[in-house]
């Protein structure tokens, strides 16, 4: 298993319950495909570098997890179609 980090930018115009449900759904995707979530960092509401879907702000979350390489494509394909997720990026962490 390798270590990965999933950066997620969530729509800032939704309420707290919907935002929490979106992050929980992201964590469930990781566990559904055989990964284990090790840490979730909530960076809060930040200004976006440029306007995305007529929005200037978003909530940033960083989900660290361990998973097999084959699970990443499945997780990303599901993240692509999630409502309330503006952007996402999954990167492999260095083993150092």
Protein backbone atom coordinates (compact mmCIF):
# COMPACT_ATOMS: atom_id res chain seq x y z
CA UNK A 1 0.00 0.00 0.00
CA UNK A 2 1.15 3.51 -0.80
CA UNK A 3 0.37 6.80 0.92
CA UNK A 4 -1.80 9.31 -0.93
CA UNK A 5 -3.27 12.75 -0.30
CA UNK A 6 -6.60 13.84 -1.76
CA UNK A 7 -7.13 17.60 -1.89
CA UNK A 8 -10.80 18.56 -2.21
CA UNK A 9 -12.32 22.01 -2.72
CA UNK A 10 -15.98 22.04 -1.67
CA UNK A 11 -18.61 24.58 -2.70
CA UNK A 12 -18.74 27.45 -0.16
CA UNK A 13 -22.39 28.26 -0.90
CA UNK A 14 -23.83 25.12 0.74
CA UNK A 15 -24.70 24.72 4.42
CA UNK A 16 -22.49 23.01 7.00
CA UNK A 17 -24.43 19.73 7.00
CA UNK A 18 -24.17 19.35 3.23
CA UNK A 19 -20.45 20.18 3.34
CA UNK A 20 -19.85 17.60 6.07
CA UNK A 21 -21.83 15.02 4.07
CA UNK A 22 -19.69 15.73 0.99
CA UNK A 23 -16.44 15.19 2.92
CA UNK A 24 -17.85 12.01 4.49
CA UNK A 25 -18.76 10.77 1.02
CA UNK A 26 -15.15 11.36 -0.09
CA UNK A 27 -13.86 9.36 2.88
CA UNK A 28 -16.36 6.59 2.14
CA UNK A 29 -15.05 6.38 -1.44
CA UNK A 30 -11.55 5.75 -0.11
CA UNK A 31 -12.69 2.98 2.23
CA UNK A 32 -14.99 1.43 -0.39
CA UNK A 33 -12.03 0.80 -2.69
CA UNK A 34 -9.81 -0.74 0.00
CA UNK A 35 -8.08 2.32 1.40
CA UNK A 36 -7.76 3.46 4.99
CA UNK A 37 -8.11 7.15 5.90
CA UNK A 38 -5.31 8.24 8.22
CA UNK A 39 -5.93 11.99 8.57
CA UNK A 40 -8.30 14.75 7.44
CA UNK A 41 -7.13 18.37 7.50
CA UNK A 42 -9.78 21.08 7.33
CA UNK A 43 -8.23 24.30 6.09
CA UNK A 44 -11.53 26.15 6.12
CA UNK A 45 -12.85 28.74 3.71
CA UNK A 46 -10.29 30.22 1.33
CA UNK A 47 -10.40 32.55 -1.66
CA UNK A 48 -9.89 30.73 -4.94
CA UNK A 49 -7.07 31.81 -7.25
CA UNK A 50 -9.59 32.28 -10.05
CA UNK A 51 -13.37 32.08 -10.46
CA UNK A 52 -14.71 28.55 -10.88
CA UNK A 53 -18.39 27.99 -11.74
CA UNK A 54 -19.11 31.63 -10.77
CA UNK A 55 -17.64 31.07 -7.27
CA UNK A 56 -14.73 32.92 -5.68
CA UNK A 57 -14.42 30.92 -2.43
CA UNK A 58 -14.30 27.28 -1.41
CA UNK A 59 -13.66 25.05 1.60
CA UNK A 60 -10.38 23.15 1.42
CA UNK A 61 -9.96 19.62 2.79
CA UNK A 62 -6.90 17.37 2.62
CA UNK A 63 -7.58 13.65 3.15
CA UNK A 64 -4.52 11.46 3.71
CA UNK A 65 -4.97 7.74 3.15
CA UNK A 66 -3.23 4.44 2.37
CA UNK A 67 -4.41 2.50 -0.69
CA UNK A 68 -3.36 0.35 -3.60
CA UNK A 69 -2.54 2.11 -6.86
CA UNK A 70 -5.48 0.51 -8.66
CA UNK A 71 -7.97 2.20 -6.31
CA UNK A 72 -6.93 5.72 -7.31
CA UNK A 73 -8.52 5.61 -10.76
CA UNK A 74 -11.82 4.44 -9.24
CA UNK A 75 -11.76 7.15 -6.56
CA UNK A 76 -11.00 9.88 -9.10
CA UNK A 77 -13.73 8.73 -11.48
CA UNK A 78 -16.29 8.99 -8.66
CA UNK A 79 -14.95 12.36 -7.46
CA UNK A 80 -15.34 13.79 -10.97
CA UNK A 81 -19.14 13.49 -10.85
CA UNK A 82 -19.77 14.46 -7.21
CA UNK A 83 -22.03 17.42 -6.58
CA UNK A 84 -20.56 20.25 -4.48
CA UNK A 85 -16.94 19.27 -5.27
CA UNK A 86 -15.44 22.14 -7.25
CA UNK A 87 -11.95 20.67 -7.70
CA UNK A 88 -9.95 17.67 -6.48
CA UNK A 89 -6.41 16.38 -6.81
CA UNK A 90 -4.98 13.06 -5.67
CA UNK A 91 -1.19 12.81 -5.30
CA UNK A 92 1.13 10.06 -4.09
CA UNK A 93 3.16 10.98 -1.01
CA UNK A 94 6.91 10.45 -0.86
CA UNK A 95 8.01 7.53 1.27
CA UNK A 96 10.86 9.56 2.81
